[in-house]
Protein backbone atom coordinates (compact mmCIF):
# COMPACT_ATOMS: atom_id res chain seq x y z
CA MET A 1 0.54 -0.21 0.04
CA PHE A 2 1.51 3.23 -0.76
CA ASP A 3 0.20 7.28 -1.09
CA LEU A 4 1.59 9.39 -3.96
CA PHE A 5 1.92 13.18 -3.25
CA LEU A 6 2.35 16.27 -5.81
CA GLN A 7 2.66 19.25 -4.05
CA ARG A 8 3.80 22.72 -4.71
CA PHE A 9 3.46 25.16 -2.15
CA ASN A 10 0.03 24.72 -0.69
CA ILE A 11 -1.54 22.79 -3.87
CA THR A 12 -1.45 18.99 -3.07
CA TYR A 13 -2.47 15.93 -5.30
CA ALA A 14 -3.03 12.91 -3.64
CA ARG A 15 -3.40 9.48 -5.03
CA SER A 16 -3.63 6.17 -2.85
CA ASN A 17 -2.75 2.32 -4.19
CA THR A 18 -3.87 -0.12 -1.83
CA SER A 19 -3.79 -2.95 -4.54
CA ASN A 20 -0.77 -4.64 -5.96
CA THR A 21 -1.49 -2.92 -9.14
CA THR A 22 0.57 -1.01 -11.64
CA ARG A 23 -1.05 2.47 -12.19
CA SER A 24 0.38 5.57 -14.47
CA ILE A 25 -0.76 8.75 -13.50
CA THR A 26 0.00 11.77 -15.67
CA PHE A 27 0.46 15.95 -14.51
CA THR A 28 -0.16 18.56 -16.45
CA LEU A 29 1.37 21.39 -14.83
CA GLY A 30 0.17 25.25 -16.07
CA THR A 31 2.98 26.88 -14.66
CA THR A 32 6.78 27.03 -14.29
CA GLY A 33 8.36 26.15 -10.99
CA SER A 34 9.67 23.35 -8.84
CA TYR A 35 7.47 20.86 -7.94
CA THR A 36 7.97 18.03 -5.45
CA LEU A 37 6.66 14.01 -5.80
CA ASN A 38 6.65 12.30 -2.23
CA GLU A 39 5.71 8.73 -2.07
CA PHE A 40 4.74 7.29 1.28
CA PHE A 41 4.50 3.55 2.18
CA SER A 42 1.84 2.43 5.07
CA ALA A 43 3.00 -0.19 7.39
CA ASN A 44 1.10 -3.82 6.60
CA PRO A 45 -1.85 -4.93 8.87
CA LEU A 46 -0.24 -7.56 12.09
CA ALA A 47 -0.46 -10.47 10.44
CA LEU A 48 -2.03 -11.90 13.64
CA THR A 49 -2.80 -11.23 17.09
CA TRP A 50 -0.52 -12.11 20.68
CA VAL A 51 -3.25 -13.87 23.07
CA SER A 52 -1.13 -15.51 25.48
CA PHE A 53 2.80 -17.17 25.55
CA ASP A 54 3.95 -19.25 28.35
CA GLY A 55 7.19 -21.41 29.25
CA ARG A 56 7.63 -23.47 32.14
CA ALA A 57 10.10 -25.88 33.30
CA VAL A 58 10.13 -29.64 33.38
CA ASN A 59 12.37 -32.01 34.14
CA GLU A 60 15.54 -30.21 32.41
CA ASN A 61 13.71 -28.86 29.20
CA ALA A 62 11.62 -25.86 28.83
CA GLU A 63 8.06 -26.39 27.36
CA LEU A 64 6.84 -23.18 25.58
CA ASN A 65 3.05 -22.59 24.37
CA TRP A 66 1.22 -19.98 22.76
CA ALA A 67 -2.21 -18.67 21.50
CA THR A 68 -2.77 -16.50 18.90
CA ALA A 69 -6.14 -15.31 16.91
CA ASP A 70 -6.96 -13.87 13.97
CA GLU A 71 -4.00 -15.14 11.63
CA LYS A 72 -3.68 -14.27 8.02
CA ASN A 73 -1.08 -14.32 6.17
CA THR A 74 1.22 -16.35 8.55
CA ALA A 75 3.99 -18.58 7.67
CA THR A 76 6.19 -19.73 10.33
CA PHE A 77 7.45 -19.17 13.94
CA GLU A 78 10.80 -19.16 15.12
CA ILE A 79 11.91 -19.99 18.48
CA GLU A 80 14.31 -18.02 19.89
CA HIS A 81 16.50 -18.53 23.07
CA SER A 82 19.33 -16.38 25.47
CA THR A 83 20.58 -17.08 28.37
CA ASP A 84 21.24 -13.33 29.34
CA GLY A 85 18.04 -11.63 27.50
CA ALA A 86 19.84 -9.63 24.94
CA SER A 87 21.65 -12.19 22.28
CA PHE A 88 18.97 -14.64 21.22
CA GLU A 89 19.60 -17.76 18.53
CA THR A 90 17.27 -19.88 16.86
CA VAL A 91 16.47 -22.96 18.40
CA GLY A 92 13.63 -24.12 16.21
CA THR A 93 10.70 -23.14 13.57
CA ILE A 94 7.61 -24.60 13.56
CA ALA A 95 4.97 -23.66 10.66
CA ALA A 96 1.91 -21.40 11.26
CA LYS A 97 -1.61 -22.78 10.48
CA GLY A 98 -2.23 -19.34 8.91
CA THR A 99 -5.81 -18.65 9.57
CA GLY A 100 -8.17 -18.04 12.38
CA ASN A 101 -7.61 -18.58 16.57
CA ASN A 102 -4.28 -21.54 16.88
CA THR A 103 -2.42 -22.53 19.78
CA TYR A 104 0.95 -24.06 19.30
CA ASP A 105 3.85 -25.46 21.77
CA PHE A 106 7.33 -26.66 21.43
CA THR A 107 9.66 -27.91 23.56
CA ASP A 108 13.43 -27.34 23.75
CA VAL A 109 15.90 -30.27 24.95
CA ASN A 110 19.08 -28.08 25.38
CA THR A 111 18.36 -25.62 27.83
CA ALA A 112 21.12 -24.25 30.53
CA ASN A 113 20.92 -23.75 34.39
CA GLY A 114 19.61 -21.12 35.49
CA ILE A 115 17.39 -18.40 33.40
CA ASN A 116 16.84 -19.30 30.09
CA TYR A 117 15.03 -16.62 28.03
CA TYR A 118 12.32 -16.64 24.90
CA ARG A 119 10.93 -15.06 22.27
CA LEU A 120 8.58 -16.02 18.99
CA LYS A 121 9.77 -14.43 15.73
CA GLN A 122 6.71 -14.62 13.60
CA VAL A 123 7.38 -14.21 9.94
CA ASP A 124 4.77 -13.93 6.91
CA ASN A 125 4.30 -14.83 3.44
CA ASP A 126 6.03 -12.29 2.30
CA GLY A 127 9.10 -12.10 4.49
CA SER A 128 7.84 -9.17 6.97
CA PHE A 129 7.87 -10.24 10.73
CA GLN A 130 7.49 -8.99 14.41
CA TYR A 131 8.42 -10.16 17.45
CA SER A 132 6.44 -12.01 20.72
CA LYS A 133 7.28 -10.96 24.17
CA VAL A 134 10.08 -12.78 26.24
CA VAL A 135 9.36 -15.15 28.76
CA ARG A 136 11.89 -16.45 31.29
CA VAL A 137 12.34 -20.40 31.99
CA ASN A 138 14.21 -21.40 35.10
CA ILE A 139 16.31 -24.35 34.92
CA GLY A 140 17.60 -25.94 37.44
CA LYS A 141 15.05 -26.17 40.36
CA GLU A 142 13.25 -30.05 41.31
CA THR A 143 9.89 -29.35 40.93
CA THR A 144 7.31 -32.17 40.33
CA ALA A 145 4.14 -30.30 38.56
CA PRO A 146 0.81 -31.38 39.34
CA SER A 147 -1.36 -32.75 36.50
CA VAL A 148 -3.88 -31.01 35.55
CA SER A 149 -7.11 -31.93 33.30
CA PHE A 150 -10.04 -30.19 31.77
CA TYR A 151 -13.59 -31.84 31.14
CA PRO A 152 -16.25 -31.25 29.23
CA ASN A 153 -14.57 -29.70 26.22
CA PRO A 154 -17.05 -28.48 24.50
CA ALA A 155 -18.17 -26.87 27.81
CA LYS A 156 -21.89 -25.52 28.47
CA ASP A 157 -23.14 -24.78 32.29
CA VAL A 158 -19.43 -25.78 33.93
CA LEU A 159 -16.05 -26.55 33.25
CA ASN A 160 -14.58 -29.53 35.58
CA ILE A 161 -11.16 -28.94 36.51
CA ALA A 162 -8.98 -32.35 37.68
CA THR A 163 -5.82 -30.96 39.79
CA THR A 164 -3.57 -33.40 41.85
CA GLY A 165 -1.84 -29.87 43.76
CA ASN A 166 -2.77 -26.07 44.50
CA VAL A 167 -3.33 -24.55 41.04
CA THR A 168 -4.79 -20.93 39.79
CA VAL A 169 -6.95 -21.38 36.93
CA ALA A 170 -7.48 -18.33 33.96
CA ILE A 171 -9.99 -18.19 31.14
CA PHE A 172 -8.86 -15.57 28.55
CA ASN A 173 -10.72 -15.05 25.45
CA MET A 174 -9.48 -14.95 21.91
CA ASN A 175 -8.59 -11.51 22.43
CA GLY A 176 -6.62 -12.03 25.71
CA VAL A 177 -8.91 -10.56 28.20
CA ASN A 178 -9.20 -12.31 31.32
CA VAL A 179 -12.65 -13.23 31.70
CA ALA A 180 -12.73 -15.78 34.46
CA THR A 181 -10.07 -16.96 37.30
CA GLN A 182 -10.38 -19.65 40.12
CA GLU A 183 -7.65 -21.12 42.29
CA PHE A 184 -8.25 -24.93 43.01
CA SER A 185 -6.96 -27.50 45.63
CA GLY A 186 -7.64 -30.91 44.72
CA ASN A 187 -10.97 -31.15 41.94
CA GLY A 188 -13.35 -28.62 41.04
CA GLN A 189 -15.70 -26.39 38.60
CA ILE A 190 -15.56 -22.90 37.07
CA THR A 191 -19.11 -21.66 35.96
CA VAL A 192 -18.41 -20.41 32.18
CA SER A 193 -22.70 -20.71 31.24
CA ASN A 194 -22.50 -16.48 31.54
CA LEU A 195 -19.69 -17.02 28.66
CA PRO A 196 -20.78 -16.01 25.23
CA GLU A 197 -20.11 -18.84 22.95
CA GLY A 198 -17.13 -19.32 21.04
CA MET A 199 -13.14 -20.36 21.74
CA TYR A 200 -11.31 -19.51 24.99
CA ILE A 201 -7.84 -20.33 26.47
CA CYS A 202 -7.87 -21.79 29.63
CA ARG A 203 -3.86 -21.34 31.78
CA VAL A 204 -3.64 -23.26 34.55
CA ALA A 205 -0.23 -22.09 36.92
CA ASN A 206 1.19 -22.39 40.42
CA THR A 207 4.11 -20.97 42.56
CA THR A 208 6.72 -22.39 39.77
CA GLY A 209 4.89 -20.72 36.86
CA VAL A 210 2.44 -21.96 34.06
CA LEU A 211 1.47 -25.62 33.86
CA GLN A 212 -0.68 -25.57 30.82
CA THR A 213 -2.87 -23.96 28.22
CA SER A 214 -5.38 -25.47 26.28
CA LYS A 215 -8.08 -24.35 24.14
CA ILE A 216 -11.52 -24.98 25.06
CA GLN A 217 -14.71 -24.21 23.74
CA ILE A 218 -18.09 -22.77 25.21
CA ILE A 219 -21.22 -23.93 23.94
CA LYS A 220 -25.00 -23.07 24.44
């Protein structure tokens, strides 16, 4: 997309092109003098909306989970790793699903002891790209993550949570807005009958970090 401007003193001619077509413009100048021809390119719209990006330590590995909304023209996700939060290198690439709302996961088995930093480089089909936020994963602490499961899915009135530990369950819509949060110690339920029908992200965390991110569907 570009905007084309021809300007002399206080007179401006403007022409916008919003497609990939070639256009020919002829100017007939009535007076002598200096004219300026300017072309301004507009930024492409974002190819997706970041809904969430989380990481957790499992044994000596780093498990990464992320969710996106409104994907369009997306090609790949490059997973980048750093030990100092400044210098990143690519440790993996995942093909994007390209359209709609999606969830992804990646496990890094070549972690460093201590704090590991991760970010995502989302690349479009045209080569443009954008970065996610940076998440930290602490490797080296021996922790046993509680098991967590959700049912039913799709859910209509309540979402049952089965867990073996103390966790906090948060539900986000596909715009990344937190619509429900509840703490559990063992099994429990979250009322979802008040939520609009659609897809949501359910994120489970405890004191060590995010344990699980899953997509759930609410039906009426």
